Amino acid sequence: MNAPTLKEIAAGNAQDTPATNPGPSALRTVLLAGGAAATIDIVFAFLFFGWTIGISPLRVLQSVATGWYGRASFEGGLATAAVGLVSHYFILIVAAWFYYLASRRLPLLNRSPLACGVAFGIAIYVVMTFVIVPLSATPARALTLSVVSVGQFLIHPVVGIAIAMIVRRYAPFQPAA
């Protein structure tokens, strides 16, 4: 198949195939998926924790930065909140990168983005809760069923779905010819 001519594109007659319309690059897809997931997650955290236990957005972001600074994060003001925000986005962009890479090898991830997104979101929650946070400077706390743990568990399937849907939309699996 030949690339469409400018005349075909202007007339709306160009075929919309991966060869003629490759869509965003892998980097742009991963940044979009991770950025969207991180935004959904942090807005949920601001609203949920503000409403249920009265925590300000600044405190939410500082709690993310406890992974770097421990309890001292809460004394760092806007600086540690900014570190928390950047860390939050970085973590979910890396998660989107993993999903994107897996989707190149496993067509199921793009065929079933809702189910796979829910599973991936739960996997993110499990890895963060039971691996990353315990290895960080975040103060240890008992694993109990609390408003915080319920809130974090509830949003992660949505975060996974956002990543899965964006990867499917902008980087669908293309079997080798």
N, C-alpha and C. Protein backbone atom coordinates (compact mmCIF):
# COMPACT_ATOMS: atom_id res chain seq x y z
N MET A 1 0.85 -1.18 0.00
CA MET A 1 0.00 0.00 0.00
C MET A 1 0.89 1.23 0.00
N ASN A 2 0.57 2.20 -0.84
CA ASN A 2 1.34 3.42 -0.94
C ASN A 2 0.87 4.42 0.11
N ALA A 3 1.76 5.33 0.48
CA ALA A 3 1.38 6.40 1.39
C ALA A 3 0.37 7.30 0.69
N PRO A 4 -0.60 7.85 1.44
CA PRO A 4 -1.60 8.70 0.79
C PRO A 4 -0.98 9.99 0.30
N THR A 5 -1.56 10.50 -0.77
CA THR A 5 -1.10 11.78 -1.30
C THR A 5 -1.74 12.90 -0.48
N LEU A 6 -1.17 14.08 -0.62
CA LEU A 6 -1.71 15.25 0.06
C LEU A 6 -3.15 15.51 -0.39
N LYS A 7 -3.42 15.27 -1.68
CA LYS A 7 -4.76 15.47 -2.22
C LYS A 7 -5.75 14.50 -1.56
N GLU A 8 -5.36 13.23 -1.36
CA GLU A 8 -6.24 12.24 -0.71
C GLU A 8 -6.51 12.62 0.76
N ILE A 9 -5.46 13.09 1.43
CA ILE A 9 -5.64 13.50 2.82
C ILE A 9 -6.60 14.68 2.90
N ALA A 10 -6.42 15.69 2.04
CA ALA A 10 -7.27 16.87 2.04
C ALA A 10 -8.72 16.51 1.70
N ALA A 11 -8.91 15.54 0.81
CA ALA A 11 -10.25 15.14 0.41
C ALA A 11 -10.89 14.17 1.41
N GLY A 12 -10.11 13.72 2.36
CA GLY A 12 -10.64 12.77 3.34
C GLY A 12 -10.70 11.35 2.82
N ASN A 13 -9.99 11.06 1.74
CA ASN A 13 -10.01 9.72 1.14
C ASN A 13 -8.84 8.85 1.55
N ALA A 14 -7.95 9.35 2.39
CA ALA A 14 -6.77 8.56 2.79
C ALA A 14 -7.22 7.44 3.72
N GLN A 15 -6.64 6.27 3.52
CA GLN A 15 -6.97 5.15 4.39
C GLN A 15 -6.27 5.34 5.72
N ASP A 16 -6.99 5.06 6.81
CA ASP A 16 -6.46 5.22 8.15
C ASP A 16 -5.90 3.89 8.63
N THR A 17 -4.69 3.59 8.21
CA THR A 17 -4.04 2.34 8.61
C THR A 17 -2.79 2.68 9.40
N PRO A 18 -2.27 1.72 10.17
CA PRO A 18 -1.03 2.00 10.91
C PRO A 18 0.10 2.48 10.00
N ALA A 19 0.14 2.02 8.76
CA ALA A 19 1.21 2.44 7.86
C ALA A 19 1.06 3.91 7.48
N THR A 20 -0.19 4.39 7.36
CA THR A 20 -0.41 5.77 6.94
C THR A 20 -0.69 6.69 8.12
N ASN A 21 -1.08 6.14 9.25
CA ASN A 21 -1.38 6.95 10.42
C ASN A 21 -0.85 6.22 11.66
N PRO A 22 0.45 6.30 11.91
CA PRO A 22 1.03 5.52 12.98
C PRO A 22 0.63 5.98 14.39
N GLY A 23 0.03 7.15 14.53
CA GLY A 23 -0.37 7.63 15.84
C GLY A 23 0.84 8.08 16.64
N PRO A 24 0.61 8.33 17.93
CA PRO A 24 1.70 8.82 18.78
C PRO A 24 2.82 7.79 18.90
N SER A 25 4.00 8.27 19.16
CA SER A 25 5.14 7.39 19.38
C SER A 25 4.93 6.62 20.69
N ALA A 26 5.78 5.64 20.90
CA ALA A 26 5.73 4.86 22.15
C ALA A 26 5.90 5.78 23.35
N LEU A 27 6.85 6.70 23.27
CA LEU A 27 7.09 7.62 24.39
C LEU A 27 5.86 8.47 24.67
N ARG A 28 5.27 9.02 23.63
CA ARG A 28 4.07 9.85 23.83
C ARG A 28 2.92 9.02 24.38
N THR A 29 2.77 7.79 23.93
CA THR A 29 1.71 6.92 24.44
C THR A 29 1.91 6.65 25.92
N VAL A 30 3.14 6.31 26.30
CA VAL A 30 3.44 6.01 27.71
C VAL A 30 3.24 7.25 28.58
N LEU A 31 3.71 8.40 28.11
CA LEU A 31 3.54 9.64 28.89
C LEU A 31 2.06 10.00 29.04
N LEU A 32 1.29 9.82 27.97
CA LEU A 32 -0.14 10.10 28.03
C LEU A 32 -0.84 9.15 28.99
N ALA A 33 -0.56 7.86 28.88
CA ALA A 33 -1.21 6.86 29.74
C ALA A 33 -0.82 7.06 31.20
N GLY A 34 0.47 7.22 31.45
CA GLY A 34 0.93 7.41 32.83
C GLY A 34 0.45 8.74 33.41
N GLY A 35 0.49 9.78 32.60
CA GLY A 35 0.04 11.10 33.07
C GLY A 35 -1.45 11.11 33.38
N ALA A 36 -2.25 10.49 32.51
CA ALA A 36 -3.69 10.42 32.77
C ALA A 36 -3.97 9.62 34.03
N ALA A 37 -3.30 8.47 34.17
CA ALA A 37 -3.51 7.63 35.36
C ALA A 37 -3.10 8.37 36.63
N ALA A 38 -1.97 9.06 36.59
CA ALA A 38 -1.49 9.79 37.76
C ALA A 38 -2.45 10.93 38.12
N THR A 39 -2.99 11.60 37.11
CA THR A 39 -3.92 12.70 37.37
C THR A 39 -5.22 12.17 38.00
N ILE A 40 -5.75 11.10 37.45
CA ILE A 40 -6.96 10.49 38.01
C ILE A 40 -6.71 10.10 39.47
N ASP A 41 -5.58 9.45 39.72
CA ASP A 41 -5.25 8.97 41.06
C ASP A 41 -5.08 10.12 42.05
N ILE A 42 -4.35 11.16 41.68
CA ILE A 42 -4.08 12.23 42.63
C ILE A 42 -5.32 13.08 42.88
N VAL A 43 -6.12 13.32 41.85
CA VAL A 43 -7.37 14.07 42.06
C VAL A 43 -8.30 13.27 42.98
N PHE A 44 -8.38 11.95 42.75
CA PHE A 44 -9.17 11.11 43.65
C PHE A 44 -8.65 11.22 45.08
N ALA A 45 -7.33 11.14 45.25
CA ALA A 45 -6.75 11.22 46.60
C ALA A 45 -7.09 12.55 47.26
N PHE A 46 -6.97 13.64 46.52
CA PHE A 46 -7.30 14.95 47.09
C PHE A 46 -8.75 14.98 47.56
N LEU A 47 -9.66 14.52 46.70
CA LEU A 47 -11.09 14.57 47.02
C LEU A 47 -11.46 13.56 48.11
N PHE A 48 -11.03 12.31 47.94
CA PHE A 48 -11.41 11.24 48.87
C PHE A 48 -10.87 11.49 50.27
N PHE A 49 -9.57 11.76 50.37
CA PHE A 49 -8.98 11.93 51.69
C PHE A 49 -9.33 13.27 52.30
N GLY A 50 -9.57 14.27 51.48
CA GLY A 50 -10.06 15.55 52.01
C GLY A 50 -11.46 15.40 52.59
N TRP A 51 -12.31 14.69 51.88
CA TRP A 51 -13.69 14.52 52.32
C TRP A 51 -13.81 13.55 53.49
N THR A 52 -13.11 12.42 53.46
CA THR A 52 -13.30 11.40 54.50
C THR A 52 -12.53 11.69 55.78
N ILE A 53 -11.29 12.20 55.67
CA ILE A 53 -10.52 12.41 56.91
C ILE A 53 -9.89 13.79 57.00
N GLY A 54 -10.29 14.70 56.12
CA GLY A 54 -9.89 16.09 56.24
C GLY A 54 -8.43 16.40 55.94
N ILE A 55 -7.81 15.61 55.08
CA ILE A 55 -6.41 15.85 54.74
C ILE A 55 -6.33 16.79 53.55
N SER A 56 -5.47 17.80 53.64
CA SER A 56 -5.32 18.77 52.55
C SER A 56 -4.50 18.17 51.41
N PRO A 57 -4.66 18.73 50.20
CA PRO A 57 -3.84 18.26 49.08
C PRO A 57 -2.33 18.36 49.37
N LEU A 58 -1.90 19.41 50.06
CA LEU A 58 -0.49 19.55 50.42
C LEU A 58 -0.04 18.35 51.26
N ARG A 59 -0.84 17.98 52.22
CA ARG A 59 -0.50 16.84 53.10
C ARG A 59 -0.51 15.52 52.32
N VAL A 60 -1.44 15.38 51.37
CA VAL A 60 -1.46 14.17 50.54
C VAL A 60 -0.15 14.04 49.77
N LEU A 61 0.29 15.14 49.16
CA LEU A 61 1.53 15.11 48.39
C LEU A 61 2.74 14.88 49.30
N GLN A 62 2.72 15.48 50.49
CA GLN A 62 3.82 15.25 51.43
C GLN A 62 3.85 13.79 51.88
N SER A 63 2.68 13.17 51.97
CA SER A 63 2.66 11.76 52.37
C SER A 63 3.30 10.89 51.29
N VAL A 64 3.16 11.28 50.02
CA VAL A 64 3.84 10.55 48.95
C VAL A 64 5.36 10.72 49.12
N ALA A 65 5.79 11.91 49.48
CA ALA A 65 7.22 12.19 49.63
C ALA A 65 7.83 11.52 50.86
N THR A 66 7.01 10.92 51.73
CA THR A 66 7.59 10.20 52.87
C THR A 66 8.44 9.03 52.40
N GLY A 67 8.21 8.58 51.18
CA GLY A 67 9.05 7.52 50.62
C GLY A 67 10.50 7.95 50.52
N TRP A 68 10.74 9.25 50.34
CA TRP A 68 12.10 9.80 50.28
C TRP A 68 12.58 10.32 51.63
N TYR A 69 11.70 11.02 52.35
CA TYR A 69 12.13 11.78 53.53
C TYR A 69 11.62 11.24 54.86
N GLY A 70 10.78 10.23 54.84
CA GLY A 70 10.19 9.76 56.09
C GLY A 70 9.28 10.82 56.68
N ARG A 71 9.16 10.84 57.99
CA ARG A 71 8.28 11.81 58.66
C ARG A 71 8.70 13.26 58.42
N ALA A 72 9.97 13.49 58.12
CA ALA A 72 10.45 14.85 57.86
C ALA A 72 9.75 15.48 56.66
N SER A 73 9.14 14.68 55.83
CA SER A 73 8.42 15.19 54.67
C SER A 73 7.35 16.20 55.08
N PHE A 74 6.72 15.97 56.22
CA PHE A 74 5.61 16.83 56.65
C PHE A 74 6.11 18.19 57.15
N GLU A 75 7.40 18.34 57.30
CA GLU A 75 7.98 19.63 57.72
C GLU A 75 8.58 20.39 56.55
N GLY A 76 8.52 19.82 55.36
CA GLY A 76 9.19 20.41 54.20
C GLY A 76 8.36 21.37 53.38
N GLY A 77 7.11 21.58 53.74
CA GLY A 77 6.27 22.52 53.02
C GLY A 77 6.06 22.16 51.56
N LEU A 78 6.05 23.20 50.72
CA LEU A 78 5.80 23.02 49.29
C LEU A 78 6.90 22.22 48.60
N ALA A 79 8.13 22.30 49.12
CA ALA A 79 9.24 21.59 48.47
C ALA A 79 9.01 20.08 48.52
N THR A 80 8.64 19.55 49.68
CA THR A 80 8.43 18.11 49.75
C THR A 80 7.13 17.71 49.05
N ALA A 81 6.15 18.61 49.04
CA ALA A 81 4.92 18.33 48.29
C ALA A 81 5.24 18.21 46.80
N ALA A 82 6.12 19.08 46.30
CA ALA A 82 6.51 19.02 44.88
C ALA A 82 7.25 17.71 44.58
N VAL A 83 8.10 17.28 45.50
CA VAL A 83 8.80 16.00 45.32
C VAL A 83 7.77 14.87 45.29
N GLY A 84 6.77 14.95 46.15
CA GLY A 84 5.71 13.94 46.17
C GLY A 84 4.95 13.91 44.85
N LEU A 85 4.63 15.07 44.31
CA LEU A 85 3.90 15.13 43.04
C LEU A 85 4.72 14.55 41.89
N VAL A 86 5.98 14.95 41.80
CA VAL A 86 6.85 14.43 40.73
C VAL A 86 7.03 12.92 40.90
N SER A 87 7.21 12.46 42.12
CA SER A 87 7.38 11.03 42.38
C SER A 87 6.14 10.25 41.97
N HIS A 88 4.98 10.80 42.29
CA HIS A 88 3.70 10.16 41.96
C HIS A 88 3.57 9.97 40.45
N TYR A 89 3.83 11.04 39.70
CA TYR A 89 3.74 10.95 38.24
C TYR A 89 4.79 9.99 37.68
N PHE A 90 6.00 10.04 38.22
CA PHE A 90 7.06 9.16 37.76
C PHE A 90 6.66 7.69 37.93
N ILE A 91 6.13 7.35 39.09
CA ILE A 91 5.74 5.97 39.38
C ILE A 91 4.70 5.48 38.37
N LEU A 92 3.70 6.28 38.09
CA LEU A 92 2.66 5.82 37.17
C LEU A 92 3.08 5.87 35.71
N ILE A 93 4.02 6.73 35.37
CA ILE A 93 4.57 6.69 34.01
C ILE A 93 5.39 5.42 33.83
N VAL A 94 6.14 5.04 34.85
CA VAL A 94 6.89 3.77 34.79
C VAL A 94 5.91 2.59 34.69
N ALA A 95 4.83 2.64 35.45
CA ALA A 95 3.83 1.56 35.38
C ALA A 95 3.24 1.48 33.96
N ALA A 96 2.95 2.63 33.36
CA ALA A 96 2.41 2.65 32.00
C ALA A 96 3.44 2.09 31.01
N TRP A 97 4.70 2.38 31.26
CA TRP A 97 5.76 1.85 30.40
C TRP A 97 5.78 0.32 30.46
N PHE A 98 5.67 -0.24 31.66
CA PHE A 98 5.62 -1.70 31.81
C PHE A 98 4.41 -2.27 31.06
N TYR A 99 3.26 -1.63 31.21
CA TYR A 99 2.06 -2.13 30.52
C TYR A 99 2.25 -2.05 29.01
N TYR A 100 2.78 -0.94 28.54
CA TYR A 100 3.01 -0.77 27.11
C TYR A 100 3.93 -1.88 26.58
N LEU A 101 5.04 -2.11 27.28
CA LEU A 101 5.98 -3.15 26.84
C LEU A 101 5.31 -4.53 26.84
N ALA A 102 4.55 -4.82 27.87
CA ALA A 102 3.85 -6.11 27.93
C ALA A 102 2.83 -6.22 26.80
N SER A 103 2.18 -5.11 26.47
CA SER A 103 1.15 -5.15 25.42
C SER A 103 1.74 -5.42 24.03
N ARG A 104 3.02 -5.21 23.87
CA ARG A 104 3.67 -5.51 22.59
C ARG A 104 3.81 -7.02 22.40
N ARG A 105 3.84 -7.76 23.49
CA ARG A 105 4.04 -9.21 23.42
C ARG A 105 2.77 -10.01 23.71
N LEU A 106 1.84 -9.41 24.43
CA LEU A 106 0.62 -10.11 24.85
C LEU A 106 -0.60 -9.42 24.26
N PRO A 107 -1.11 -9.89 23.13
CA PRO A 107 -2.26 -9.24 22.48
C PRO A 107 -3.49 -9.17 23.39
N LEU A 108 -3.61 -10.08 24.35
CA LEU A 108 -4.75 -10.07 25.27
C LEU A 108 -4.88 -8.72 25.98
N LEU A 109 -3.77 -8.07 26.28
CA LEU A 109 -3.82 -6.79 27.00
C LEU A 109 -4.57 -5.73 26.21
N ASN A 110 -4.48 -5.78 24.89
CA ASN A 110 -5.21 -4.83 24.06
C ASN A 110 -6.59 -5.34 23.67
N ARG A 111 -6.77 -6.65 23.65
CA ARG A 111 -8.10 -7.20 23.31
C ARG A 111 -9.08 -7.04 24.46
N SER A 112 -8.59 -7.09 25.69
CA SER A 112 -9.45 -7.02 26.89
C SER A 112 -8.95 -5.95 27.84
N PRO A 113 -9.01 -4.67 27.43
CA PRO A 113 -8.41 -3.64 28.27
C PRO A 113 -9.12 -3.42 29.61
N LEU A 114 -10.41 -3.67 29.67
CA LEU A 114 -11.09 -3.46 30.96
C LEU A 114 -10.64 -4.49 32.00
N ALA A 115 -10.73 -5.76 31.65
CA ALA A 115 -10.33 -6.81 32.59
C ALA A 115 -8.84 -6.72 32.89
N CYS A 116 -8.03 -6.55 31.86
CA CYS A 116 -6.58 -6.47 32.07
C CYS A 116 -6.20 -5.19 32.82
N GLY A 117 -6.92 -4.11 32.56
CA GLY A 117 -6.66 -2.86 33.28
C GLY A 117 -6.97 -2.99 34.76
N VAL A 118 -8.10 -3.63 35.08
CA VAL A 118 -8.44 -3.85 36.50
C VAL A 118 -7.35 -4.70 37.16
N ALA A 119 -6.96 -5.78 36.51
CA ALA A 119 -5.92 -6.65 37.07
C ALA A 119 -4.60 -5.89 37.23
N PHE A 120 -4.26 -5.08 36.23
CA PHE A 120 -3.02 -4.31 36.31
C PHE A 120 -3.08 -3.28 37.43
N GLY A 121 -4.21 -2.62 37.59
CA GLY A 121 -4.37 -1.65 38.67
C GLY A 121 -4.22 -2.30 40.03
N ILE A 122 -4.79 -3.48 40.20
CA ILE A 122 -4.65 -4.20 41.46
C ILE A 122 -3.20 -4.62 41.66
N ALA A 123 -2.53 -5.02 40.58
CA ALA A 123 -1.11 -5.37 40.67
C ALA A 123 -0.27 -4.16 41.10
N ILE A 124 -0.59 -2.99 40.56
CA ILE A 124 0.11 -1.76 40.98
C ILE A 124 -0.07 -1.56 42.48
N TYR A 125 -1.31 -1.69 42.95
CA TYR A 125 -1.60 -1.52 44.38
C TYR A 125 -0.79 -2.51 45.22
N VAL A 126 -0.79 -3.77 44.82
CA VAL A 126 -0.09 -4.80 45.59
C VAL A 126 1.42 -4.52 45.63
N VAL A 127 2.01 -4.21 44.49
CA VAL A 127 3.45 -3.94 44.44
C VAL A 127 3.80 -2.71 45.27
N MET A 128 3.01 -1.65 45.14
CA MET A 128 3.29 -0.44 45.92
C MET A 128 3.14 -0.71 47.42
N THR A 129 2.06 -1.38 47.81
CA THR A 129 1.76 -1.59 49.22
C THR A 129 2.70 -2.57 49.90
N PHE A 130 3.04 -3.65 49.20
CA PHE A 130 3.78 -4.72 49.85
C PHE A 130 5.26 -4.80 49.46
N VAL A 131 5.69 -4.02 48.46
CA VAL A 131 7.10 -4.05 48.05
C VAL A 131 7.73 -2.66 48.16
N ILE A 132 7.22 -1.70 47.39
CA ILE A 132 7.85 -0.38 47.30
C ILE A 132 7.78 0.38 48.63
N VAL A 133 6.60 0.53 49.18
CA VAL A 133 6.46 1.31 50.41
C VAL A 133 7.29 0.71 51.56
N PRO A 134 7.25 -0.61 51.79
CA PRO A 134 8.09 -1.15 52.87
C PRO A 134 9.59 -0.93 52.64
N LEU A 135 10.04 -0.83 51.40
CA LEU A 135 11.45 -0.60 51.12
C LEU A 135 11.84 0.88 51.17
N SER A 136 10.85 1.76 51.26
CA SER A 136 11.11 3.20 51.24
C SER A 136 11.31 3.72 52.67
N ALA A 137 11.46 5.03 52.78
CA ALA A 137 11.62 5.68 54.09
C ALA A 137 10.28 5.96 54.75
N THR A 138 9.18 5.55 54.12
CA THR A 138 7.86 5.77 54.71
C THR A 138 7.79 5.06 56.06
N PRO A 139 7.32 5.77 57.09
CA PRO A 139 7.23 5.12 58.41
C PRO A 139 6.35 3.87 58.34
N ALA A 140 6.81 2.83 59.02
CA ALA A 140 6.06 1.56 59.04
C ALA A 140 4.74 1.76 59.76
N ARG A 141 3.72 1.11 59.24
CA ARG A 141 2.42 1.13 59.92
C ARG A 141 1.79 -0.24 59.73
N ALA A 142 0.97 -0.57 60.66
CA ALA A 142 0.31 -1.88 60.61
C ALA A 142 -0.64 -1.92 59.42
N LEU A 143 -0.69 -3.05 58.75
CA LEU A 143 -1.64 -3.21 57.65
C LEU A 143 -3.01 -3.52 58.24
N THR A 144 -3.85 -2.53 58.23
CA THR A 144 -5.20 -2.69 58.75
C THR A 144 -6.19 -2.19 57.72
N LEU A 145 -7.42 -2.58 57.86
CA LEU A 145 -8.46 -2.09 56.99
C LEU A 145 -8.84 -0.70 57.49
N SER A 146 -8.47 0.33 56.75
CA SER A 146 -8.74 1.69 57.15
C SER A 146 -9.29 2.47 55.96
N VAL A 147 -9.72 3.69 56.22
CA VAL A 147 -10.20 4.55 55.15
C VAL A 147 -9.11 4.74 54.11
N VAL A 148 -7.87 4.89 54.56
CA VAL A 148 -6.76 5.10 53.63
C VAL A 148 -6.57 3.88 52.74
N SER A 149 -6.52 2.68 53.33
CA SER A 149 -6.29 1.49 52.52
C SER A 149 -7.46 1.20 51.59
N VAL A 150 -8.67 1.43 52.05
CA VAL A 150 -9.85 1.21 51.19
C VAL A 150 -9.83 2.20 50.02
N GLY A 151 -9.53 3.46 50.31
CA GLY A 151 -9.47 4.47 49.25
C GLY A 151 -8.42 4.14 48.21
N GLN A 152 -7.24 3.73 48.66
CA GLN A 152 -6.17 3.39 47.72
C GLN A 152 -6.54 2.16 46.90
N PHE A 153 -7.17 1.19 47.52
CA PHE A 153 -7.55 -0.02 46.79
C PHE A 153 -8.64 0.28 45.76
N LEU A 154 -9.57 1.15 46.09
CA LEU A 154 -10.68 1.46 45.19
C LEU A 154 -10.24 2.14 43.89
N ILE A 155 -9.27 3.02 43.97
CA ILE A 155 -8.91 3.80 42.79
C ILE A 155 -7.97 3.06 41.85
N HIS A 156 -7.20 2.11 42.34
CA HIS A 156 -6.19 1.48 41.49
C HIS A 156 -6.75 0.71 40.29
N PRO A 157 -7.89 0.03 40.39
CA PRO A 157 -8.44 -0.56 39.16
C PRO A 157 -8.77 0.50 38.10
N VAL A 158 -9.22 1.66 38.52
CA VAL A 158 -9.52 2.74 37.57
C VAL A 158 -8.22 3.24 36.93
N VAL A 159 -7.17 3.36 37.73
CA VAL A 159 -5.86 3.76 37.23
C VAL A 159 -5.37 2.75 36.18
N GLY A 160 -5.52 1.47 36.47
CA GLY A 160 -5.11 0.44 35.51
C GLY A 160 -5.92 0.48 34.24
N ILE A 161 -7.22 0.72 34.36
CA ILE A 161 -8.08 0.82 33.17
C ILE A 161 -7.66 2.01 32.32
N ALA A 162 -7.35 3.13 32.94
CA ALA A 162 -6.91 4.31 32.18
C ALA A 162 -5.66 3.98 31.36
N ILE A 163 -4.70 3.34 31.99
CA ILE A 163 -3.47 2.96 31.28
C ILE A 163 -3.80 2.01 30.12
N ALA A 164 -4.58 0.98 30.41
CA ALA A 164 -4.90 -0.04 29.40
C ALA A 164 -5.66 0.56 28.21
N MET A 165 -6.63 1.42 28.49
CA MET A 165 -7.43 2.00 27.41
C MET A 165 -6.60 2.94 26.53
N ILE A 166 -5.72 3.72 27.14
CA ILE A 166 -4.90 4.64 26.36
C ILE A 166 -3.88 3.87 25.53
N VAL A 167 -3.26 2.86 26.12
CA VAL A 167 -2.31 2.05 25.35
C VAL A 167 -3.04 1.38 24.19
N ARG A 168 -4.22 0.85 24.44
CA ARG A 168 -4.97 0.21 23.36
C ARG A 168 -5.32 1.20 22.25
N ARG A 169 -5.71 2.39 22.64
CA ARG A 169 -6.13 3.40 21.67
C ARG A 169 -4.98 3.91 20.81
N TYR A 170 -3.84 4.18 21.45
CA TYR A 170 -2.74 4.81 20.74
C TYR A 170 -1.63 3.86 20.32
N ALA A 171 -1.63 2.65 20.82
CA ALA A 171 -0.57 1.70 20.45
C ALA A 171 -1.14 0.30 20.39
N PRO A 172 -2.14 0.07 19.54
CA PRO A 172 -2.72 -1.26 19.48
C PRO A 172 -1.70 -2.29 19.03
N PHE A 173 -1.90 -3.51 19.47
CA PHE A 173 -1.00 -4.60 19.10
C PHE A 173 -1.07 -4.83 17.61
N GLN A 174 0.07 -4.87 16.97
CA GLN A 174 0.15 -5.14 15.54
C GLN A 174 1.01 -6.40 15.36
N PRO A 175 0.40 -7.54 15.03
CA PRO A 175 1.20 -8.75 14.84
C PRO A 175 2.22 -8.55 13.71
N ALA A 176 3.34 -9.18 13.87
CA ALA A 176 4.38 -9.09 12.84
C ALA A 176 3.86 -9.68 11.53
N ALA A 177 4.16 -9.00 10.45
CA ALA A 177 3.68 -9.45 9.13
C ALA A 177 4.49 -10.58 8.60
